[in-house]
Amino acid sequence: MNKGTNSVNKEDKSSNPEESKNESSNESESQEKEIKPKGKKFKFECTRCGECCQNREPIPITFDDLSRWTTEGSLMSIILPHLELRSISEQDEISKIAIVPFIKMKDTNDDGLGTCPFYDDENKMCNIYFSMPINCKTFPLSYNGEKYYISDPSCPGIGKGTMTKEKLEEMRDNAVKDFTQRSETTLAMIPLQGMFIRYFMKQSQEQVERLSEEEKAKLDELIQKSQSENATSPSTGEKASK
């Protein structure tokens, strides 16, 4: 009897580790499911609404953009008239100092927001889609050097369509390229600005030295007249107080 009992107990004990293991595994899986956040997967498909091309800030351009357009020849002659140099922002000293190329917007409002000159409103398409700036190509996914983020959560294309692994990798690669290229362009423009300023100052000085005494006198007269006009208040016509 005791032997039978012991035998049964022995069998129970031999099966218990397996059951315990299964129970432990089930508990672990249950805990993982509870701990793991249920975040939405990023999906995006352009709806061609044109919102990202209108009522927007100027588009930052990189050296890689300029190099590509120059290599493509005629495209640069189309884009160049719409480029301007401007400071990035007032957020930090580098952003204040660096003047970088942007595509200027048309029909701008008081906030400086406008429509991209290459946006075809009638056909809802970009006229340089085949060679758009990297900053446009990465939209709406962006990268700040540490993490990816959505640059415009109101974009109607977010959450639409399907997102394959390859498509997501491509968007992430473009976001990193955009960040890297803009950073490199900003840093490179700082010494270039100094070089351009010195060059044009030297050119101006050489031009002045080649002037005759009579031409120099006329130039001085024009400078004095301009300074006098600038010192006059436009509203009252009186001299502005120093």
C-alpha atoms as a PDB file:
ATOM      1  CA  MET A   1       0.000   0.000   0.000  1.00  0.00           C
ATOM      2  CA  ASN A   2       2.740   2.357   1.037  1.00  0.00           C
ATOM      3  CA  LYS A   3       4.755   1.325  -1.976  1.00  0.00           C
ATOM      4  CA  GLY A   4       1.752   2.002  -4.191  1.00  0.00           C
ATOM      5  CA  THR A   5       1.235   5.320  -2.533  1.00  0.00           C
ATOM      6  CA  ASN A   6       4.891   6.153  -2.906  1.00  0.00           C
ATOM      7  CA  SER A   7       4.742   5.104  -6.531  1.00  0.00           C
ATOM      8  CA  VAL A   8       1.796   7.361  -7.177  1.00  0.00           C
ATOM      9  CA  ASN A   9       3.463  10.246  -5.349  1.00  0.00           C
ATOM     10  CA  LYS A  10       6.594   9.609  -7.325  1.00  0.00           C
ATOM     11  CA  GLU A  11       4.685   9.762 -10.586  1.00  0.00           C
ATOM     12  CA  ASP A  12       2.933  12.935  -9.463  1.00  0.00           C
ATOM     13  CA  LYS A  13       6.259  14.497  -8.610  1.00  0.00           C
ATOM     14  CA  SER A  14       7.762  13.468 -11.943  1.00  0.00           C
ATOM     15  CA  SER A  15       4.904  15.156 -13.822  1.00  0.00           C
ATOM     16  CA  ASN A  16       4.775  18.263 -11.636  1.00  0.00           C
ATOM     17  CA  PRO A  17       7.982  19.882 -12.995  1.00  0.00           C
ATOM     18  CA  GLU A  18       6.536  19.774 -16.529  1.00  0.00           C
ATOM     19  CA  GLU A  19       3.257  21.267 -15.356  1.00  0.00           C
ATOM     20  CA  SER A  20       5.099  23.869 -13.288  1.00  0.00           C
ATOM     21  CA  LYS A  21       7.225  24.744 -16.290  1.00  0.00           C
ATOM     22  CA  ASN A  22       4.137  25.190 -18.461  1.00  0.00           C
ATOM     23  CA  GLU A  23       2.386  27.250 -15.822  1.00  0.00           C
ATOM     24  CA  SER A  24       5.512  29.382 -15.348  1.00  0.00           C
ATOM     25  CA  SER A  25       5.799  29.843 -19.116  1.00  0.00           C
ATOM     26  CA  ASN A  26       2.136  30.847 -19.410  1.00  0.00           C
ATOM     27  CA  GLU A  27       2.515  33.325 -16.544  1.00  0.00           C
ATOM     28  CA  SER A  28       5.631  34.799 -18.198  1.00  0.00           C
ATOM     29  CA  GLU A  29       3.857  35.186 -21.553  1.00  0.00           C
ATOM     30  CA  SER A  30       0.888  36.764 -19.813  1.00  0.00           C
ATOM     31  CA  GLN A  31       3.197  39.246 -18.040  1.00  0.00           C
ATOM     32  CA  GLU A  32       4.974  40.108 -21.311  1.00  0.00           C
ATOM     33  CA  LYS A  33       1.663  40.853 -23.002  1.00  0.00           C
ATOM     34  CA  GLU A  34       0.650  43.094 -20.121  1.00  0.00           C
ATOM     35  CA  ILE A  35       4.001  44.926 -20.020  1.00  0.00           C
ATOM     36  CA  LYS A  36       4.398  45.325 -23.779  1.00  0.00           C
ATOM     37  CA  PRO A  37       2.805  48.618 -24.886  1.00  0.00           C
ATOM     38  CA  LYS A  38       0.130  48.451 -27.549  1.00  0.00           C
ATOM     39  CA  GLY A  39       1.430  51.283 -29.751  1.00  0.00           C
ATOM     40  CA  LYS A  40       0.041  51.975 -33.205  1.00  0.00           C
ATOM     41  CA  LYS A  41       2.273  51.040 -36.102  1.00  0.00           C
ATOM     42  CA  PHE A  42       3.369  53.933 -38.300  1.00  0.00           C
ATOM     43  CA  LYS A  43       1.638  53.888 -41.656  1.00  0.00           C
ATOM     44  CA  PHE A  44       1.648  56.519 -44.374  1.00  0.00           C
ATOM     45  CA  GLU A  45       0.378  56.918 -47.894  1.00  0.00           C
ATOM     46  CA  CYS A  46       0.346  60.257 -49.727  1.00  0.00           C
ATOM     47  CA  THR A  47      -3.224  61.346 -50.499  1.00  0.00           C
ATOM     48  CA  ARG A  48      -2.042  64.143 -52.838  1.00  0.00           C
ATOM     49  CA  CYS A  49      -3.997  66.675 -50.808  1.00  0.00           C
ATOM     50  CA  GLY A  50      -1.245  69.290 -51.261  1.00  0.00           C
ATOM     51  CA  GLU A  51      -1.417  70.439 -47.629  1.00  0.00           C
ATOM     52  CA  CYS A  52       2.334  69.965 -47.130  1.00  0.00           C
ATOM     53  CA  CYS A  53       3.027  72.181 -50.163  1.00  0.00           C
ATOM     54  CA  GLN A  54       0.762  75.044 -49.092  1.00  0.00           C
ATOM     55  CA  ASN A  55       0.588  77.306 -46.056  1.00  0.00           C
ATOM     56  CA  ARG A  56       4.073  76.242 -45.099  1.00  0.00           C
ATOM     57  CA  GLU A  57       7.487  77.662 -44.219  1.00  0.00           C
ATOM     58  CA  PRO A  58      10.348  77.934 -46.760  1.00  0.00           C
ATOM     59  CA  ILE A  59      11.941  74.581 -47.630  1.00  0.00           C
ATOM     60  CA  PRO A  60      15.551  74.048 -46.438  1.00  0.00           C
ATOM     61  CA  ILE A  61      17.978  73.032 -49.195  1.00  0.00           C
ATOM     62  CA  THR A  62      21.213  71.080 -48.786  1.00  0.00           C
ATOM     63  CA  PHE A  63      24.474  70.988 -50.736  1.00  0.00           C
ATOM     64  CA  ASP A  64      23.442  67.533 -51.965  1.00  0.00           C
ATOM     65  CA  ASP A  65      20.239  69.012 -53.416  1.00  0.00           C
ATOM     66  CA  LEU A  66      22.209  71.771 -55.156  1.00  0.00           C
ATOM     67  CA  SER A  67      24.808  69.331 -56.481  1.00  0.00           C
ATOM     68  CA  ARG A  68      22.133  67.005 -57.862  1.00  0.00           C
ATOM     69  CA  TRP A  69      20.233  69.834 -59.576  1.00  0.00           C
ATOM     70  CA  THR A  70      23.432  71.264 -61.057  1.00  0.00           C
ATOM     71  CA  THR A  71      24.375  67.850 -62.434  1.00  0.00           C
ATOM     72  CA  GLU A  72      20.925  67.551 -63.975  1.00  0.00           C
ATOM     73  CA  GLY A  73      21.632  70.759 -65.906  1.00  0.00           C
ATOM     74  CA  SER A  74      18.511  72.626 -66.942  1.00  0.00           C
ATOM     75  CA  LEU A  75      16.737  71.882 -63.663  1.00  0.00           C
ATOM     76  CA  MET A  76      19.059  74.221 -61.764  1.00  0.00           C
ATOM     77  CA  SER A  77      18.099  77.137 -64.030  1.00  0.00           C
ATOM     78  CA  ILE A  78      14.458  76.470 -63.144  1.00  0.00           C
ATOM     79  CA  ILE A  79      15.040  76.219 -59.384  1.00  0.00           C
ATOM     80  CA  LEU A  80      17.688  78.950 -58.906  1.00  0.00           C
ATOM     81  CA  PRO A  81      15.274  81.923 -59.234  1.00  0.00           C
ATOM     82  CA  HIS A  82      13.276  80.534 -56.313  1.00  0.00           C
ATOM     83  CA  LEU A  83      16.235  80.105 -53.931  1.00  0.00           C
ATOM     84  CA  GLU A  84      17.159  82.529 -51.195  1.00  0.00           C
ATOM     85  CA  LEU A  85      19.659  82.657 -48.340  1.00  0.00           C
ATOM     86  CA  ARG A  86      18.298  83.114 -44.830  1.00  0.00           C
ATOM     87  CA  SER A  87      19.124  82.254 -41.239  1.00  0.00           C
ATOM     88  CA  ILE A  88      17.720  78.999 -39.937  1.00  0.00           C
ATOM     89  CA  SER A  89      16.171  80.225 -36.677  1.00  0.00           C
ATOM     90  CA  GLU A  90      16.831  82.156 -33.492  1.00  0.00           C
ATOM     91  CA  GLN A  91      17.062  79.024 -31.325  1.00  0.00           C
ATOM     92  CA  ASP A  92      20.844  78.938 -30.852  1.00  0.00           C
ATOM     93  CA  GLU A  93      24.004  80.802 -31.871  1.00  0.00           C
ATOM     94  CA  ILE A  94      24.841  78.531 -34.816  1.00  0.00           C
ATOM     95  CA  SER A  95      21.297  78.872 -36.203  1.00  0.00           C
ATOM     96  CA  LYS A  96      21.532  82.669 -35.893  1.00  0.00           C
ATOM     97  CA  ILE A  97      24.928  82.871 -37.611  1.00  0.00           C
ATOM     98  CA  ALA A  98      24.438  80.335 -40.411  1.00  0.00           C
ATOM     99  CA  ILE A  99      22.705  81.559 -43.549  1.00  0.00           C
ATOM    100  CA  VAL A 100      21.583  78.596 -45.635  1.00  0.00           C
ATOM    101  CA  PRO A 101      19.650  78.146 -48.906  1.00  0.00           C
ATOM    102  CA  PHE A 102      15.870  77.785 -48.890  1.00  0.00           C
ATOM    103  CA  ILE A 103      13.142  77.573 -51.518  1.00  0.00           C
ATOM    104  CA  LYS A 104      11.126  80.728 -50.898  1.00  0.00           C
ATOM    105  CA  MET A 105       7.361  80.467 -50.831  1.00  0.00           C
ATOM    106  CA  LYS A 106       4.955  82.475 -52.973  1.00  0.00           C
ATOM    107  CA  ASP A 107       1.786  84.270 -51.830  1.00  0.00           C
ATOM    108  CA  THR A 108       3.110  84.459 -48.269  1.00  0.00           C
ATOM    109  CA  ASN A 109       0.976  85.700 -45.381  1.00  0.00           C
ATOM    110  CA  ASP A 110       2.005  87.839 -42.399  1.00  0.00           C
ATOM    111  CA  ASP A 111       3.520  84.774 -40.710  1.00  0.00           C
ATOM    112  CA  GLY A 112       5.766  84.088 -43.700  1.00  0.00           C
ATOM    113  CA  LEU A 113       3.830  80.969 -44.698  1.00  0.00           C
ATOM    114  CA  GLY A 114       3.011  80.386 -48.344  1.00  0.00           C
ATOM    115  CA  THR A 115       2.808  77.968 -51.252  1.00  0.00           C
ATOM    116  CA  CYS A 116       5.755  76.174 -52.823  1.00  0.00           C
ATOM    117  CA  PRO A 117       6.423  77.660 -56.288  1.00  0.00           C
ATOM    118  CA  PHE A 118       6.763  74.145 -57.714  1.00  0.00           C
ATOM    119  CA  TYR A 119       3.351  72.974 -56.537  1.00  0.00           C
ATOM    120  CA  ASP A 120       0.753  72.558 -59.292  1.00  0.00           C
ATOM    121  CA  ASP A 121      -2.518  73.269 -57.502  1.00  0.00           C
ATOM    122  CA  GLU A 122      -4.668  72.360 -60.505  1.00  0.00           C
ATOM    123  CA  ASN A 123      -3.211  68.859 -60.898  1.00  0.00           C
ATOM    124  CA  LYS A 124      -2.353  68.409 -57.205  1.00  0.00           C
ATOM    125  CA  MET A 125       1.242  67.459 -57.919  1.00  0.00           C
ATOM    126  CA  CYS A 126       4.856  68.589 -57.504  1.00  0.00           C
ATOM    127  CA  ASN A 127       6.520  69.789 -60.711  1.00  0.00           C
ATOM    128  CA  ILE A 128       9.926  68.580 -59.493  1.00  0.00           C
ATOM    129  CA  TYR A 129       8.655  65.376 -57.886  1.00  0.00           C
ATOM    130  CA  PHE A 130      11.317  63.304 -59.690  1.00  0.00           C
ATOM    131  CA  SER A 131      14.063  65.352 -58.013  1.00  0.00           C
ATOM    132  CA  MET A 132      12.432  66.974 -54.989  1.00  0.00           C
ATOM    133  CA  PRO A 133      14.498  68.269 -52.038  1.00  0.00           C
ATOM    134  CA  ILE A 134      15.450  65.619 -49.490  1.00  0.00           C
ATOM    135  CA  ASN A 135      13.460  67.565 -46.878  1.00  0.00           C
ATOM    136  CA  CYS A 136      10.282  66.999 -48.916  1.00  0.00           C
ATOM    137  CA  LYS A 137      11.150  63.401 -49.702  1.00  0.00           C
ATOM    138  CA  THR A 138      11.262  62.403 -46.042  1.00  0.00           C
ATOM    139  CA  PHE A 139       7.917  63.997 -45.116  1.00  0.00           C
ATOM    140  CA  PRO A 140       6.139  63.348 -42.741  1.00  0.00           C
ATOM    141  CA  LEU A 141       8.807  61.299 -40.959  1.00  0.00           C
ATOM    142  CA  SER A 142      11.691  63.297 -39.483  1.00  0.00           C
ATOM    143  CA  TYR A 143      14.813  62.620 -37.432  1.00  0.00           C
ATOM    144  CA  ASN A 144      16.473  64.915 -34.886  1.00  0.00           C
ATOM    145  CA  GLY A 145      19.744  63.069 -34.316  1.00  0.00           C
ATOM    146  CA  GLU A 146      18.303  60.917 -31.540  1.00  0.00           C
ATOM    147  CA  LYS A 147      14.883  59.689 -32.572  1.00  0.00           C
ATOM    148  CA  TYR A 148      12.313  59.640 -35.357  1.00  0.00           C
ATOM    149  CA  TYR A 149       9.194  61.759 -35.077  1.00  0.00           C
ATOM    150  CA  ILE A 150       6.201  62.936 -37.123  1.00  0.00           C
ATOM    151  CA  SER A 151       6.853  66.469 -38.371  1.00  0.00           C
ATOM    152  CA  ASP A 152       3.167  67.141 -39.057  1.00  0.00           C
ATOM    153  CA  PRO A 153       0.691  64.922 -37.142  1.00  0.00           C
ATOM    154  CA  SER A 154      -2.227  66.576 -38.973  1.00  0.00           C
ATOM    155  CA  CYS A 155      -1.139  65.093 -42.323  1.00  0.00           C
ATOM    156  CA  PRO A 156      -4.177  63.158 -43.662  1.00  0.00           C
ATOM    157  CA  GLY A 157      -1.924  60.443 -45.124  1.00  0.00           C
ATOM    158  CA  ILE A 158      -0.796  59.243 -41.690  1.00  0.00           C
ATOM    159  CA  GLY A 159      -2.443  55.946 -40.788  1.00  0.00           C
ATOM    160  CA  LYS A 160      -3.430  55.300 -44.400  1.00  0.00           C
ATOM    161  CA  GLY A 161      -2.312  52.494 -46.705  1.00  0.00           C
ATOM    162  CA  THR A 162       0.132  49.759 -45.749  1.00  0.00           C
ATOM    163  CA  MET A 163       3.679  49.985 -44.476  1.00  0.00           C
ATOM    164  CA  THR A 164       6.130  47.326 -45.614  1.00  0.00           C
ATOM    165  CA  LYS A 165       9.472  46.772 -43.930  1.00  0.00           C
ATOM    166  CA  GLU A 166      11.268  48.013 -47.058  1.00  0.00           C
ATOM    167  CA  LYS A 167       9.161  51.174 -47.291  1.00  0.00           C
ATOM    168  CA  LEU A 168       9.721  51.990 -43.603  1.00  0.00           C
ATOM    169  CA  GLU A 169      13.482  51.472 -43.955  1.00  0.00           C
ATOM    170  CA  GLU A 170      13.524  53.797 -46.981  1.00  0.00           C
ATOM    171  CA  MET A 171      11.613  56.516 -45.098  1.00  0.00           C
ATOM    172  CA  ARG A 172      13.927  56.199 -42.108  1.00  0.00           C
ATOM    173  CA  ASP A 173      17.012  56.347 -44.335  1.00  0.00           C
ATOM    174  CA  ASN A 174      15.681  59.520 -45.992  1.00  0.00           C
ATOM    175  CA  ALA A 175      14.936  61.086 -42.608  1.00  0.00           C
ATOM    176  CA  VAL A 176      18.507  60.433 -41.434  1.00  0.00           C
ATOM    177  CA  LYS A 177      19.896  61.746 -44.743  1.00  0.00           C
ATOM    178  CA  ASP A 178      17.848  64.914 -44.398  1.00  0.00           C
ATOM    179  CA  PHE A 179      19.115  65.530 -40.864  1.00  0.00           C
ATOM    180  CA  THR A 180      22.734  64.729 -41.762  1.00  0.00           C
ATOM    181  CA  GLN A 181      22.794  66.771 -44.976  1.00  0.00           C
ATOM    182  CA  ARG A 182      21.150  69.813 -43.367  1.00  0.00           C
ATOM    183  CA  SER A 183      23.610  69.662 -40.451  1.00  0.00           C
ATOM    184  CA  GLU A 184      26.588  69.427 -42.817  1.00  0.00           C
ATOM    185  CA  THR A 185      25.287  72.294 -44.973  1.00  0.00           C
ATOM    186  CA  THR A 186      24.719  74.516 -41.939  1.00  0.00           C
ATOM    187  CA  LEU A 187      28.216  73.941 -40.523  1.00  0.00           C
ATOM    188  CA  ALA A 188      29.880  74.400 -43.929  1.00  0.00           C
ATOM    189  CA  MET A 189      28.035  77.650 -44.625  1.00  0.00           C
ATOM    190  CA  ILE A 190      29.501  79.420 -41.581  1.00  0.00           C
ATOM    191  CA  PRO A 191      33.126  79.601 -42.870  1.00  0.00           C
ATOM    192  CA  LEU A 192      31.879  80.030 -46.454  1.00  0.00           C
ATOM    193  CA  GLN A 193      29.961  83.158 -45.437  1.00  0.00           C
ATOM    194  CA  GLY A 194      33.141  84.698 -44.060  1.00  0.00           C
ATOM    195  CA  MET A 195      35.021  83.832 -47.243  1.00  0.00           C
ATOM    196  CA  PHE A 196      32.315  85.364 -49.460  1.00  0.00           C
ATOM    197  CA  ILE A 197      32.203  88.546 -47.385  1.00  0.00           C
ATOM    198  CA  ARG A 198      35.989  88.996 -47.597  1.00  0.00           C
ATOM    199  CA  TYR A 199      35.928  88.284 -51.325  1.00  0.00           C
ATOM    200  CA  PHE A 200      33.240  90.853 -52.122  1.00  0.00           C
ATOM    201  CA  MET A 201      34.820  93.431 -49.813  1.00  0.00           C
ATOM    202  CA  LYS A 202      38.112  92.982 -51.664  1.00  0.00           C
ATOM    203  CA  GLN A 203      36.348  93.267 -55.024  1.00  0.00           C
ATOM    204  CA  SER A 204      34.594  96.460 -53.896  1.00  0.00           C
ATOM    205  CA  GLN A 205      37.842  97.959 -52.627  1.00  0.00           C
ATOM    206  CA  GLU A 206      39.599  97.226 -55.916  1.00  0.00           C
ATOM    207  CA  GLN A 207      36.722  98.785 -57.839  1.00  0.00           C
ATOM    208  CA  VAL A 208      36.923 101.958 -55.731  1.00  0.00           C
ATOM    209  CA  GLU A 209      40.709 102.189 -56.199  1.00  0.00           C
ATOM    210  CA  ARG A 210      40.215 102.134 -59.969  1.00  0.00           C
ATOM    211  CA  LEU A 211      37.840 105.132 -59.842  1.00  0.00           C
ATOM    212  CA  SER A 212      39.022 108.575 -60.887  1.00  0.00           C
ATOM    213  CA  GLU A 213      39.015 111.427 -58.345  1.00  0.00           C
ATOM    214  CA  GLU A 214      35.864 112.828 -59.929  1.00  0.00           C
ATOM    215  CA  GLU A 215      34.087 109.458 -59.718  1.00  0.00           C
ATOM    216  CA  LYS A 216      35.159 109.053 -56.077  1.00  0.00           C
ATOM    217  CA  ALA A 217      33.710 112.474 -55.260  1.00  0.00           C
ATOM    218  CA  LYS A 218      30.383 111.518 -56.869  1.00  0.00           C
ATOM    219  CA  LEU A 219      30.367 108.206 -54.965  1.00  0.00           C
ATOM    220  CA  ASP A 220      30.988 110.009 -51.654  1.00  0.00           C
ATOM    221  CA  GLU A 221      28.146 112.393 -52.454  1.00  0.00           C
ATOM    222  CA  LEU A 222      25.772 109.480 -53.110  1.00  0.00           C
ATOM    223  CA  ILE A 223      26.799 107.746 -49.870  1.00  0.00           C
ATOM    224  CA  GLN A 224      26.264 110.904 -47.815  1.00  0.00           C
ATOM    225  CA  LYS A 225      22.859 111.461 -49.430  1.00  0.00           C
ATOM    226  CA  SER A 226      21.830 107.884 -48.699  1.00  0.00           C
ATOM    227  CA  GLN A 227      22.938 108.152 -45.060  1.00  0.00           C
ATOM    228  CA  SER A 228      21.021 111.404 -44.679  1.00  0.00           C
ATOM    229  CA  GLU A 229      17.822 109.826 -46.052  1.00  0.00           C
ATOM    230  CA  ASN A 230      18.167 106.820 -43.774  1.00  0.00           C
ATOM    231  CA  ALA A 231      18.550 109.084 -40.750  1.00  0.00           C
ATOM    232  CA  THR A 232      15.268 110.839 -41.553  1.00  0.00           C
ATOM    233  CA  SER A 233      12.117 109.507 -39.946  1.00  0.00           C
ATOM    234  CA  PRO A 234       9.736 108.226 -42.690  1.00  0.00           C
ATOM    235  CA  SER A 235       6.619 109.100 -40.685  1.00  0.00           C
ATOM    236  CA  THR A 236       7.375 112.695 -39.660  1.00  0.00           C
ATOM    237  CA  GLY A 237      10.164 113.669 -42.008  1.00  0.00           C
ATOM    238  CA  GLU A 238      12.200 114.742 -38.975  1.00  0.00           C
ATOM    239  CA  LYS A 239      15.668 113.570 -38.042  1.00  0.00           C
ATOM    240  CA  ALA A 240      15.557 110.397 -36.018  1.00  0.00           C
ATOM    241  CA  SER A 241      16.924 110.847 -32.496  1.00  0.00           C
ATOM    242  CA  LYS A 242      20.238 109.134 -31.850  1.00  0.00           C
END
